[in-house]
Amino acid sequence: MTIEELLQANLLDVFNERDGERRRAAITRTYHEDVVFSDPDEQVAGRDALDAKAQHILDGAPDFVFSPAGPILVNHDLGYLAWNFGPEGQEPVVRGVDIALVRDGLIANVYTLLNP
C-alpha cells in the first residue's frame, strides 16, 4: 500500500471500524507487529494494544464517526492526515491529525495530535 492508503486505512478501516474481525484484519495489513501508537493520553505498542485502543475510543463514543478533514500529505516515509470525529452529518466534536512513520510498507509509528 502507498502511504496515502495506509493513512486512510488507519483512520477508516481501523479507528472507524466497529466490527472487531474486520478491524483486526485491517490492523494486520496496515501496521508492523511492533507498531507504536501515541496520543496525548498514552502510548501503546503492538497490534493487540492498538486494537484495544481503537475499541476503547469507539466504545466511548458510540454514535461518532471519523472522517478525513483534508488531503493526505506525504514526505518520503512520513504521512499526515487531518481528521474529524463526531456524530455523522454534524459538526465534529473533536478534530485532530495523525502523523505516521512508514517502514517497509507498513506503519511503524502513529502520533495523534488533537486540535484545541
C-alpha atoms as a PDB file:
ATOM      1  CA  MET A   1       0.000   0.000   0.000  1.00  0.00           C
ATOM      2  CA  THR A   2       1.024   3.598  -0.503  1.00  0.00           C
ATOM      3  CA  ILE A   3       1.439   5.919   2.458  1.00  0.00           C
ATOM      4  CA  GLU A   4      -1.830   7.592   1.475  1.00  0.00           C
ATOM      5  CA  GLU A   5      -3.604   4.222   1.513  1.00  0.00           C
ATOM      6  CA  LEU A   6      -2.030   3.316   4.865  1.00  0.00           C
ATOM      7  CA  LEU A   7      -3.186   6.562   6.479  1.00  0.00           C
ATOM      8  CA  GLN A   8      -6.675   6.145   5.063  1.00  0.00           C
ATOM      9  CA  ALA A   9      -6.767   2.563   6.378  1.00  0.00           C
ATOM     10  CA  ASN A  10      -5.540   3.756   9.785  1.00  0.00           C
ATOM     11  CA  LEU A  11      -8.413   6.225  10.051  1.00  0.00           C
ATOM     12  CA  LEU A  12     -11.291   4.437   8.327  1.00  0.00           C
ATOM     13  CA  ASP A  13     -10.524   0.706   8.414  1.00  0.00           C
ATOM     14  CA  VAL A  14      -9.120   0.647  11.946  1.00  0.00           C
ATOM     15  CA  PHE A  15     -10.217   3.539  14.142  1.00  0.00           C
ATOM     16  CA  ASN A  16     -13.599   3.905  12.426  1.00  0.00           C
ATOM     17  CA  GLU A  17     -14.336   0.158  12.233  1.00  0.00           C
ATOM     18  CA  ARG A  18     -16.703  -1.189  14.885  1.00  0.00           C
ATOM     19  CA  ASP A  19     -16.572  -4.813  13.697  1.00  0.00           C
ATOM     20  CA  GLY A  20     -13.672  -6.391  15.595  1.00  0.00           C
ATOM     21  CA  GLU A  21     -12.840  -9.019  12.963  1.00  0.00           C
ATOM     22  CA  ARG A  22     -12.690  -6.511  10.111  1.00  0.00           C
ATOM     23  CA  ARG A  23     -10.663  -4.103  12.268  1.00  0.00           C
ATOM     24  CA  ARG A  24      -8.190  -6.839  13.205  1.00  0.00           C
ATOM     25  CA  ALA A  25      -7.716  -7.790   9.520  1.00  0.00           C
ATOM     26  CA  ALA A  26      -7.065  -4.131   8.686  1.00  0.00           C
ATOM     27  CA  ILE A  27      -4.554  -3.868  11.539  1.00  0.00           C
ATOM     28  CA  THR A  28      -2.633  -6.872  10.219  1.00  0.00           C
ATOM     29  CA  ARG A  29      -2.320  -5.411   6.717  1.00  0.00           C
ATOM     30  CA  THR A  30      -1.622  -1.832   7.864  1.00  0.00           C
ATOM     31  CA  TYR A  31       0.835  -1.931  10.800  1.00  0.00           C
ATOM     32  CA  HIS A  32       4.086  -3.558  11.812  1.00  0.00           C
ATOM     33  CA  GLU A  33       3.746  -6.113  14.616  1.00  0.00           C
ATOM     34  CA  ASP A  34       5.635  -3.739  16.923  1.00  0.00           C
ATOM     35  CA  VAL A  35       3.709  -0.597  15.933  1.00  0.00           C
ATOM     36  CA  VAL A  36       3.784   2.234  18.472  1.00  0.00           C
ATOM     37  CA  PHE A  37       0.695   4.438  18.768  1.00  0.00           C
ATOM     38  CA  SER A  38       0.973   7.690  20.733  1.00  0.00           C
ATOM     39  CA  ASP A  39      -1.765  10.151  21.621  1.00  0.00           C
ATOM     40  CA  PRO A  40      -1.993  12.777  24.372  1.00  0.00           C
ATOM     41  CA  ASP A  41      -3.371  10.173  26.809  1.00  0.00           C
ATOM     42  CA  GLU A  42      -0.940   7.310  26.390  1.00  0.00           C
ATOM     43  CA  GLN A  43       1.463   5.343  24.258  1.00  0.00           C
ATOM     44  CA  VAL A  44       0.757   1.716  23.352  1.00  0.00           C
ATOM     45  CA  ALA A  45       2.891  -0.811  21.491  1.00  0.00           C
ATOM     46  CA  GLY A  46       1.924  -3.759  19.333  1.00  0.00           C
ATOM     47  CA  ARG A  47      -1.052  -4.673  17.186  1.00  0.00           C
ATOM     48  CA  ASP A  48      -3.114  -6.062  20.079  1.00  0.00           C
ATOM     49  CA  ALA A  49      -2.676  -2.884  22.114  1.00  0.00           C
ATOM     50  CA  LEU A  50      -3.560  -0.737  19.109  1.00  0.00           C
ATOM     51  CA  ASP A  51      -6.693  -2.822  18.556  1.00  0.00           C
ATOM     52  CA  ALA A  52      -7.672  -2.343  22.210  1.00  0.00           C
ATOM     53  CA  LYS A  53      -7.038   1.405  21.907  1.00  0.00           C
ATOM     54  CA  ALA A  54      -9.299   1.682  18.858  1.00  0.00           C
ATOM     55  CA  GLN A  55     -12.027  -0.316  20.620  1.00  0.00           C
ATOM     56  CA  HIS A  56     -11.757   1.891  23.707  1.00  0.00           C
ATOM     57  CA  ILE A  57     -12.168   5.069  21.613  1.00  0.00           C
ATOM     58  CA  LEU A  58     -15.167   3.646  19.761  1.00  0.00           C
ATOM     59  CA  ASP A  59     -16.779   2.363  22.977  1.00  0.00           C
ATOM     60  CA  GLY A  60     -16.509   5.854  24.461  1.00  0.00           C
ATOM     61  CA  ALA A  61     -18.302   7.473  21.522  1.00  0.00           C
ATOM     62  CA  PRO A  62     -20.882   5.007  20.185  1.00  0.00           C
ATOM     63  CA  ASP A  63     -22.557   7.407  17.750  1.00  0.00           C
ATOM     64  CA  PHE A  64     -19.383   9.085  16.460  1.00  0.00           C
ATOM     65  CA  VAL A  65     -17.516   8.508  13.215  1.00  0.00           C
ATOM     66  CA  PHE A  66     -14.099   9.545  11.953  1.00  0.00           C
ATOM     67  CA  SER A  67     -13.793  11.369   8.637  1.00  0.00           C
ATOM     68  CA  PRO A  68     -10.833  12.857   6.758  1.00  0.00           C
ATOM     69  CA  ALA A  69     -10.564  16.642   7.043  1.00  0.00           C
ATOM     70  CA  GLY A  70      -8.215  17.403   4.187  1.00  0.00           C
ATOM     71  CA  PRO A  71      -5.672  15.914   1.843  1.00  0.00           C
ATOM     72  CA  ILE A  72      -3.089  13.401   2.951  1.00  0.00           C
ATOM     73  CA  LEU A  73       0.389  14.904   2.872  1.00  0.00           C
ATOM     74  CA  VAL A  74       3.486  12.768   2.334  1.00  0.00           C
ATOM     75  CA  ASN A  75       7.201  13.418   2.777  1.00  0.00           C
ATOM     76  CA  HIS A  76       9.246  10.302   1.943  1.00  0.00           C
ATOM     77  CA  ASP A  77       8.361   7.832   4.752  1.00  0.00           C
ATOM     78  CA  LEU A  78       6.130  10.232   6.704  1.00  0.00           C
ATOM     79  CA  GLY A  79       2.422  10.845   6.221  1.00  0.00           C
ATOM     80  CA  TYR A  80      -0.017  13.392   7.675  1.00  0.00           C
ATOM     81  CA  LEU A  81      -3.828  13.232   7.760  1.00  0.00           C
ATOM     82  CA  ALA A  82      -6.189  15.686   9.449  1.00  0.00           C
ATOM     83  CA  TRP A  83      -9.473  14.217  10.690  1.00  0.00           C
ATOM     84  CA  ASN A  84     -12.786  14.987  12.378  1.00  0.00           C
ATOM     85  CA  PHE A  85     -14.671  12.882  14.936  1.00  0.00           C
ATOM     86  CA  GLY A  86     -18.291  13.357  15.865  1.00  0.00           C
ATOM     87  CA  PRO A  87     -21.871  12.380  15.058  1.00  0.00           C
ATOM     88  CA  GLU A  88     -22.266  11.582  11.369  1.00  0.00           C
ATOM     89  CA  GLY A  89     -23.516  14.556   9.361  1.00  0.00           C
ATOM     90  CA  GLN A  90     -22.941  17.031  12.199  1.00  0.00           C
ATOM     91  CA  GLU A  91     -20.139  19.343  13.254  1.00  0.00           C
ATOM     92  CA  PRO A  92     -17.190  17.396  14.681  1.00  0.00           C
ATOM     93  CA  VAL A  93     -16.732  17.272  18.430  1.00  0.00           C
ATOM     94  CA  VAL A  94     -13.014  16.527  18.100  1.00  0.00           C
ATOM     95  CA  ARG A  95     -10.512  17.496  15.419  1.00  0.00           C
ATOM     96  CA  GLY A  96      -7.023  16.126  15.150  1.00  0.00           C
ATOM     97  CA  VAL A  97      -4.217  14.870  12.964  1.00  0.00           C
ATOM     98  CA  ASP A  98      -2.415  11.578  12.555  1.00  0.00           C
ATOM     99  CA  ILE A  99       1.242  11.533  11.636  1.00  0.00           C
ATOM    100  CA  ALA A 100       2.555   8.136  10.590  1.00  0.00           C
ATOM    101  CA  LEU A 101       6.083   6.882  10.031  1.00  0.00           C
ATOM    102  CA  VAL A 102       6.167   4.058   7.495  1.00  0.00           C
ATOM    103  CA  ARG A 103       8.816   1.329   7.418  1.00  0.00           C
ATOM    104  CA  ASP A 104       8.958  -1.448   4.827  1.00  0.00           C
ATOM    105  CA  GLY A 105       5.481  -0.667   3.516  1.00  0.00           C
ATOM    106  CA  LEU A 106       3.683  -0.728   6.897  1.00  0.00           C
ATOM    107  CA  ILE A 107       3.018   1.864   9.592  1.00  0.00           C
ATOM    108  CA  ALA A 108       5.646   1.637  12.320  1.00  0.00           C
ATOM    109  CA  ASN A 109       4.653   4.674  14.422  1.00  0.00           C
ATOM    110  CA  VAL A 110       1.484   6.755  14.641  1.00  0.00           C
ATOM    111  CA  TYR A 111       1.305  10.049  16.508  1.00  0.00           C
ATOM    112  CA  THR A 112      -2.134  11.587  17.107  1.00  0.00           C
ATOM    113  CA  LEU A 113      -2.426  15.267  17.972  1.00  0.00           C
ATOM    114  CA  LEU A 114      -5.705  16.891  18.980  1.00  0.00           C
ATOM    115  CA  ASN A 115      -6.637  20.381  17.790  1.00  0.00           C
ATOM    116  CA  PRO A 116      -7.905  22.565  20.611  1.00  0.00           C
END
